[in-house]
PDB file of N, CA and C in Angstrom:
ATOM      1  N   MET A   1      32.096  38.832   3.176  1.00  0.00           N
ATOM      2  CA  MET A   1      33.617  38.632   2.813  1.00  0.00           C
ATOM      3  C   MET A   1      33.067  40.249   1.173  1.00  0.00           C
ATOM      4  N   SER A   2      34.544  40.591   0.721  1.00  0.00           N
ATOM      5  CA  SER A   2      34.677  40.656  -0.202  1.00  0.00           C
ATOM      6  C   SER A   2      34.197  39.952  -1.209  1.00  0.00           C
ATOM      7  N   GLU A   3      32.816  40.040  -2.821  1.00  0.00           N
ATOM      8  CA  GLU A   3      33.063  39.647  -3.719  1.00  0.00           C
ATOM      9  C   GLU A   3      34.797  39.210  -4.186  1.00  0.00           C
ATOM     10  N   LEU A   4      35.755  40.067  -4.503  1.00  0.00           N
ATOM     11  CA  LEU A   4      36.679  40.384  -4.257  1.00  0.00           C
ATOM     12  C   LEU A   4      38.188  38.304  -4.121  1.00  0.00           C
ATOM     13  N   ARG A   5      37.588  38.882  -3.161  1.00  0.00           N
ATOM     14  CA  ARG A   5      37.809  37.654  -2.603  1.00  0.00           C
ATOM     15  C   ARG A   5      37.286  36.114  -2.997  1.00  0.00           C
ATOM     16  N   GLU A   6      36.036  36.600  -3.201  1.00  0.00           N
ATOM     17  CA  GLU A   6      35.550  35.151  -3.278  1.00  0.00           C
ATOM     18  C   GLU A   6      35.625  33.990  -4.405  1.00  0.00           C
ATOM     19  N   HIS A   7      36.045  32.670  -5.165  1.00  0.00           N
ATOM     20  CA  HIS A   7      36.327  32.491  -6.194  1.00  0.00           C
ATOM     21  C   HIS A   7      35.144  32.155  -7.700  1.00  0.00           C
ATOM     22  N   ARG A   8      34.979  33.090  -8.340  1.00  0.00           N
ATOM     23  CA  ARG A   8      34.472  33.657  -8.538  1.00  0.00           C
ATOM     24  C   ARG A   8      34.641  34.558 -10.404  1.00  0.00           C
ATOM     25  N   TRP A   9      35.953  34.545 -10.065  1.00  0.00           N
ATOM     26  CA  TRP A   9      36.477  35.258 -11.489  1.00  0.00           C
ATOM     27  C   TRP A   9      37.344  34.378 -12.384  1.00  0.00           C
ATOM     28  N   SER A  10      36.637  34.725 -13.757  1.00  0.00           N
ATOM     29  CA  SER A  10      37.715  34.539 -14.181  1.00  0.00           C
ATOM     30  C   SER A  10      38.671  34.927 -15.571  1.00  0.00           C
ATOM     31  N   VAL A  11      39.737  34.442 -16.394  1.00  0.00           N
ATOM     32  CA  VAL A  11      40.186  35.228 -17.632  1.00  0.00           C
ATOM     33  C   VAL A  11      40.295  34.782 -18.167  1.00  0.00           C
ATOM     34  N   ILE A  12      40.128  35.450 -19.331  1.00  0.00           N
ATOM     35  CA  ILE A  12      39.477  35.045 -21.058  1.00  0.00           C
ATOM     36  C   ILE A  12      40.249  35.765 -21.249  1.00  0.00           C
ATOM     37  N   SER A  13      40.492  35.211 -22.955  1.00  0.00           N
ATOM     38  CA  SER A  13      41.633  35.857 -24.176  1.00  0.00           C
ATOM     39  C   SER A  13      40.765  35.880 -25.241  1.00  0.00           C
ATOM     40  N   GLU A  14      41.932  35.970 -26.427  1.00  0.00           N
ATOM     41  CA  GLU A  14      40.599  35.408 -27.396  1.00  0.00           C
ATOM     42  C   GLU A  14      40.857  34.178 -28.092  1.00  0.00           C
ATOM     43  N   ARG A  15      41.455  33.426 -27.024  1.00  0.00           N
ATOM     44  CA  ARG A  15      41.998  32.154 -27.013  1.00  0.00           C
ATOM     45  C   ARG A  15      40.476  31.178 -26.878  1.00  0.00           C
ATOM     46  N   GLY A  16      39.252  32.260 -25.685  1.00  0.00           N
ATOM     47  CA  GLY A  16      38.609  30.799 -24.786  1.00  0.00           C
ATOM     48  C   GLY A  16      39.016  32.347 -23.065  1.00  0.00           C
ATOM     49  N   GLY A  17      38.481  30.897 -22.829  1.00  0.00           N
ATOM     50  CA  GLY A  17      38.918  31.311 -20.892  1.00  0.00           C
ATOM     51  C   GLY A  17      39.816  30.088 -20.997  1.00  0.00           C
ATOM     52  N   GLU A  18      40.800  31.146 -20.070  1.00  0.00           N
ATOM     53  CA  GLU A  18      42.232  30.861 -19.727  1.00  0.00           C
ATOM     54  C   GLU A  18      41.997  30.062 -18.084  1.00  0.00           C
ATOM     55  N   ALA A  19      40.913  30.447 -17.363  1.00  0.00           N
ATOM     56  CA  ALA A  19      41.040  30.203 -16.102  1.00  0.00           C
ATOM     57  C   ALA A  19      40.083  30.040 -15.565  1.00  0.00           C
ATOM     58  N   SER A  20      39.363  29.699 -14.435  1.00  0.00           N
ATOM     59  CA  SER A  20      38.408  30.112 -13.825  1.00  0.00           C
ATOM     60  C   SER A  20      38.025  29.679 -12.192  1.00  0.00           C
ATOM     61  N   ALA A  21      37.599  30.192 -11.519  1.00  0.00           N
ATOM     62  CA  ALA A  21      37.560  30.330 -10.123  1.00  0.00           C
ATOM     63  C   ALA A  21      38.528  30.432  -9.266  1.00  0.00           C
ATOM     64  N   LEU A  22      38.821  31.954  -9.657  1.00  0.00           N
ATOM     65  CA  LEU A  22      39.475  32.377  -9.255  1.00  0.00           C
ATOM     66  C   LEU A  22      39.534  33.442  -8.090  1.00  0.00           C
ATOM     67  N   VAL A  23      39.991  33.728  -7.116  1.00  0.00           N
ATOM     68  CA  VAL A  23      39.815  35.496  -6.392  1.00  0.00           C
ATOM     69  C   VAL A  23      40.297  36.387  -7.245  1.00  0.00           C
ATOM     70  N   TYR A  24      40.373  37.525  -7.416  1.00  0.00           N
ATOM     71  CA  TYR A  24      40.887  38.553  -8.033  1.00  0.00           C
ATOM     72  C   TYR A  24      41.751  39.320  -8.507  1.00  0.00           C
ATOM     73  N   GLU A  25      42.853  38.686  -7.091  1.00  0.00           N
ATOM     74  CA  GLU A  25      43.823  38.562  -7.055  1.00  0.00           C
ATOM     75  C   GLU A  25      44.835  38.020  -7.780  1.00  0.00           C
ATOM     76  N   GLU A  26      43.991  36.915  -7.864  1.00  0.00           N
ATOM     77  CA  GLU A  26      44.713  35.685  -8.746  1.00  0.00           C
ATOM     78  C   GLU A  26      44.785  35.664 -10.368  1.00  0.00           C
ATOM     79  N   ALA A  27      42.982  36.261 -10.517  1.00  0.00           N
ATOM     80  CA  ALA A  27      43.180  36.691 -11.829  1.00  0.00           C
ATOM     81  C   ALA A  27      44.068  37.559 -12.534  1.00  0.00           C
ATOM     82  N   ALA A  28      44.315  38.453 -11.600  1.00  0.00           N
ATOM     83  CA  ALA A  28      45.070  40.255 -12.427  1.00  0.00           C
ATOM     84  C   ALA A  28      46.289  39.356 -12.437  1.00  0.00           C
ATOM     85  N   ARG A  29      46.850  38.116 -11.271  1.00  0.00           N
ATOM     86  CA  ARG A  29      47.850  38.324 -11.441  1.00  0.00           C
ATOM     87  C   ARG A  29      48.194  36.866 -12.827  1.00  0.00           C
ATOM     88  N   LEU A  30      47.358  36.635 -13.257  1.00  0.00           N
ATOM     89  CA  LEU A  30      47.101  35.548 -14.427  1.00  0.00           C
ATOM     90  C   LEU A  30      47.447  36.428 -15.472  1.00  0.00           C
ATOM     91  N   ARG A  31      46.188  37.589 -15.710  1.00  0.00           N
ATOM     92  CA  ARG A  31      46.081  38.576 -16.728  1.00  0.00           C
ATOM     93  C   ARG A  31      47.658  39.046 -17.219  1.00  0.00           C
ATOM     94  N   ARG A  32      48.265  39.724 -15.843  1.00  0.00           N
ATOM     95  CA  ARG A  32      49.606  40.387 -16.062  1.00  0.00           C
ATOM     96  C   ARG A  32      50.485  39.329 -17.086  1.00  0.00           C
ATOM     97  N   GLN A  33      50.764  37.822 -16.568  1.00  0.00           N
ATOM     98  CA  GLN A  33      51.706  36.946 -17.002  1.00  0.00           C
ATOM     99  C   GLN A  33      51.206  36.508 -18.601  1.00  0.00           C
ATOM    100  N   LEU A  34      49.631  36.875 -18.709  1.00  0.00           N
ATOM    101  CA  LEU A  34      49.820  36.510 -19.837  1.00  0.00           C
ATOM    102  C   LEU A  34      49.513  37.559 -20.953  1.00  0.00           C
ATOM    103  N   ALA A  35      49.208  38.290 -20.509  1.00  0.00           N
ATOM    104  CA  ALA A  35      49.790  39.897 -21.180  1.00  0.00           C
ATOM    105  C   ALA A  35      51.219  40.188 -21.880  1.00  0.00           C
ATOM    106  N   ASP A  36      52.753  39.365 -20.927  1.00  0.00           N
ATOM    107  CA  ASP A  36      53.494  39.422 -20.454  1.00  0.00           C
ATOM    108  C   ASP A  36      53.993  38.685 -21.999  1.00  0.00           C
ATOM    109  N   GLU A  37      53.012  37.375 -22.780  1.00  0.00           N
ATOM    110  CA  GLU A  37      53.281  36.407 -23.174  1.00  0.00           C
ATOM    111  C   GLU A  37      52.450  36.907 -24.032  1.00  0.00           C
ATOM    112  N   LYS A  38      52.359  38.061 -24.578  1.00  0.00           N
ATOM    113  CA  LYS A  38      51.884  39.069 -25.404  1.00  0.00           C
ATOM    114  C   LYS A  38      50.423  38.287 -25.939  1.00  0.00           C
ATOM    115  N   LEU A  39      49.216  37.491 -25.065  1.00  0.00           N
ATOM    116  CA  LEU A  39      48.906  37.148 -25.760  1.00  0.00           C
ATOM    117  C   LEU A  39      46.925  38.390 -25.589  1.00  0.00           C
ATOM    118  N   SER A  40      46.156  38.236 -26.205  1.00  0.00           N
ATOM    119  CA  SER A  40      45.568  39.478 -26.822  1.00  0.00           C
ATOM    120  C   SER A  40      43.887  39.317 -25.694  1.00  0.00           C
ATOM    121  N   GLY A  41      43.452  40.308 -25.888  1.00  0.00           N
ATOM    122  CA  GLY A  41      41.824  40.185 -25.843  1.00  0.00           C
ATOM    123  C   GLY A  41      41.408  39.998 -24.578  1.00  0.00           C
ATOM    124  N   LEU A  42      42.935  39.991 -23.700  1.00  0.00           N
ATOM    125  CA  LEU A  42      42.492  39.482 -22.284  1.00  0.00           C
ATOM    126  C   LEU A  42      41.774  40.045 -21.157  1.00  0.00           C
ATOM    127  N   CYS A  43      40.584  39.616 -20.144  1.00  0.00           N
ATOM    128  CA  CYS A  43      39.837  40.194 -19.747  1.00  0.00           C
ATOM    129  C   CYS A  43      39.743  39.756 -18.842  1.00  0.00           C
ATOM    130  N   ILE A  44      38.973  39.944 -17.577  1.00  0.00           N
ATOM    131  CA  ILE A  44      38.639  38.931 -16.353  1.00  0.00           C
ATOM    132  C   ILE A  44      37.647  39.940 -15.847  1.00  0.00           C
ATOM    133  N   VAL A  45      36.563  38.315 -16.127  1.00  0.00           N
ATOM    134  CA  VAL A  45      34.986  38.804 -16.351  1.00  0.00           C
ATOM    135  C   VAL A  45      34.466  37.645 -14.763  1.00  0.00           C
ATOM    136  N   THR A  46      33.508  37.544 -14.002  1.00  0.00           N
ATOM    137  CA  THR A  46      32.865  36.916 -13.484  1.00  0.00           C
ATOM    138  C   THR A  46      32.642  35.548 -14.559  1.00  0.00           C
ATOM    139  N   ASP A  47      32.494  34.515 -13.379  1.00  0.00           N
ATOM    140  CA  ASP A  47      32.537  32.890 -13.871  1.00  0.00           C
ATOM    141  C   ASP A  47      31.584  33.382 -14.611  1.00  0.00           C
ATOM    142  N   GLU A  48      30.572  33.236 -14.104  1.00  0.00           N
ATOM    143  CA  GLU A  48      28.752  33.720 -15.241  1.00  0.00           C
ATOM    144  C   GLU A  48      29.473  33.971 -16.503  1.00  0.00           C
ATOM    145  N   ALA A  49      29.822  35.332 -16.446  1.00  0.00           N
ATOM    146  CA  ALA A  49      30.028  35.719 -17.045  1.00  0.00           C
ATOM    147  C   ALA A  49      30.887  35.274 -18.428  1.00  0.00           C
ATOM    148  N   ALA A  50      31.417  34.756 -18.471  1.00  0.00           N
ATOM    149  CA  ALA A  50      32.661  33.946 -18.403  1.00  0.00           C
ATOM    150  C   ALA A  50      32.042  32.248 -19.166  1.00  0.00           C
ATOM    151  N   GLY A  51      30.716  32.073 -18.516  1.00  0.00           N
ATOM    152  CA  GLY A  51      30.368  31.201 -18.841  1.00  0.00           C
ATOM    153  C   GLY A  51      29.433  31.227 -20.458  1.00  0.00           C
ATOM    154  N   ARG A  52      28.694  32.561 -20.005  1.00  0.00           N
ATOM    155  CA  ARG A  52      27.838  33.221 -20.992  1.00  0.00           C
ATOM    156  C   ARG A  52      28.360  32.717 -22.329  1.00  0.00           C
ATOM    157  N   LEU A  53      28.840  33.642 -22.576  1.00  0.00           N
ATOM    158  CA  LEU A  53      30.399  34.129 -23.894  1.00  0.00           C
ATOM    159  C   LEU A  53      30.373  32.671 -24.326  1.00  0.00           C
ATOM    160  N   GLN A  54      31.147  31.893 -23.577  1.00  0.00           N
ATOM    161  CA  GLN A  54      31.510  30.875 -24.159  1.00  0.00           C
ATOM    162  C   GLN A  54      30.547  29.804 -24.760  1.00  0.00           C
ATOM    163  N   THR A  55      29.430  30.102 -24.385  1.00  0.00           N
ATOM    164  CA  THR A  55      28.020  29.748 -24.765  1.00  0.00           C
ATOM    165  C   THR A  55      27.356  30.129 -26.206  1.00  0.00           C
ATOM    166  N   GLN A  56      28.085  31.511 -26.175  1.00  0.00           N
ATOM    167  CA  GLN A  56      27.744  32.536 -27.110  1.00  0.00           C
ATOM    168  C   GLN A  56      28.732  31.929 -28.778  1.00  0.00           C
ATOM    169  N   ARG A  57      29.893  31.804 -27.862  1.00  0.00           N
ATOM    170  CA  ARG A  57      30.649  31.386 -28.949  1.00  0.00           C
ATOM    171  C   ARG A  57      30.827  30.044 -29.308  1.00  0.00           C
ATOM    172  N   GLU A  58      29.972  28.723 -28.886  1.00  0.00           N
ATOM    173  CA  GLU A  58      29.736  27.661 -29.533  1.00  0.00           C
ATOM    174  C   GLU A  58      28.842  27.924 -30.305  1.00  0.00           C
ATOM    175  N   SER A  59      28.382  28.307 -30.219  1.00  0.00           N
ATOM    176  CA  SER A  59      26.492  28.596 -30.958  1.00  0.00           C
ATOM    177  C   SER A  59      27.348  29.795 -32.247  1.00  0.00           C
ATOM    178  N   GLU A  60      28.440  30.216 -32.391  1.00  0.00           N
ATOM    179  CA  GLU A  60      28.445  31.070 -33.473  1.00  0.00           C
ATOM    180  C   GLU A  60      29.196  29.467 -34.425  1.00  0.00           C
ATOM    181  N   PRO A  61      28.920  30.249 -36.404  1.00  0.00           N
ATOM    182  CA  PRO A  61      29.321  29.802 -37.082  1.00  0.00           C
ATOM    183  C   PRO A  61      31.038  29.359 -37.280  1.00  0.00           C
ATOM    184  N   THR A  62      31.773  28.829 -37.073  1.00  0.00           N
ATOM    185  CA  THR A  62      32.971  28.624 -37.799  1.00  0.00           C
ATOM    186  C   THR A  62      32.752  29.234 -39.624  1.00  0.00           C
ATOM    187  N   PRO A  63      34.350  29.589 -39.642  1.00  0.00           N
ATOM    188  CA  PRO A  63      34.506  29.995 -40.923  1.00  0.00           C
ATOM    189  C   PRO A  63      34.334  29.011 -41.859  1.00  0.00           C
ATOM    190  N   GLY A  64      33.513  29.508 -43.049  1.00  0.00           N
ATOM    191  CA  GLY A  64      32.673  28.419 -43.783  1.00  0.00           C
ATOM    192  C   GLY A  64      31.817  28.177 -43.856  1.00  0.00           C
ATOM    193  N   GLN A  65      31.100  27.906 -42.608  1.00  0.00           N
ATOM    194  CA  GLN A  65      29.985  28.206 -41.537  1.00  0.00           C
ATOM    195  C   GLN A  65      28.836  28.479 -42.293  1.00  0.00           C
ATOM    196  N   SER A  66      27.669  28.641 -42.470  1.00  0.00           N
ATOM    197  CA  SER A  66      26.392  29.172 -42.352  1.00  0.00           C
ATOM    198  C   SER A  66      25.491  29.877 -41.231  1.00  0.00           C
ATOM    199  N   ALA A  67      25.681  30.568 -40.149  1.00  0.00           N
ATOM    200  CA  ALA A  67      24.783  31.140 -39.040  1.00  0.00           C
ATOM    201  C   ALA A  67      23.374  30.318 -39.073  1.00  0.00           C
ATOM    202  N   PRO A  68      22.937  29.669 -37.822  1.00  0.00           N
ATOM    203  CA  PRO A  68      22.111  28.680 -37.664  1.00  0.00           C
ATOM    204  C   PRO A  68      20.940  29.974 -38.397  1.00  0.00           C
ATOM    205  N   VAL A  69      19.908  29.161 -38.686  1.00  0.00           N
ATOM    206  CA  VAL A  69      17.918  30.261 -38.379  1.00  0.00           C
ATOM    207  C   VAL A  69      17.211  30.229 -37.517  1.00  0.00           C
ATOM    208  N   LEU A  70      17.221  30.792 -36.902  1.00  0.00           N
ATOM    209  CA  LEU A  70      16.615  31.333 -35.698  1.00  0.00           C
ATOM    210  C   LEU A  70      14.889  31.719 -36.372  1.00  0.00           C
ATOM    211  N   SER A  71      14.197  30.888 -35.392  1.00  0.00           N
ATOM    212  CA  SER A  71      13.068  30.748 -35.244  1.00  0.00           C
ATOM    213  C   SER A  71      11.925  32.123 -34.934  1.00  0.00           C
ATOM    214  N   ARG A  72      11.336  32.592 -35.559  1.00  0.00           N
ATOM    215  CA  ARG A  72      10.234  33.484 -34.965  1.00  0.00           C
ATOM    216  C   ARG A  72       9.517  33.427 -34.074  1.00  0.00           C
TER     217      ARG A  72
END
């Protein structure tokens, strides 16, 4: 089976994750729909990559908050 037909694709935007577990055709359709709504930062990535981005985003400080101190 082609990876494009597997339910492993996510659509992400400047807001974060928009949808996951899509086949690529569904992800492309959603990306076009969101682009028509003028949403920025749209990308189609694997669910695995989207999960890593979400984890990274959660660890980033919010405005006015200091960054976490990393030990060596």
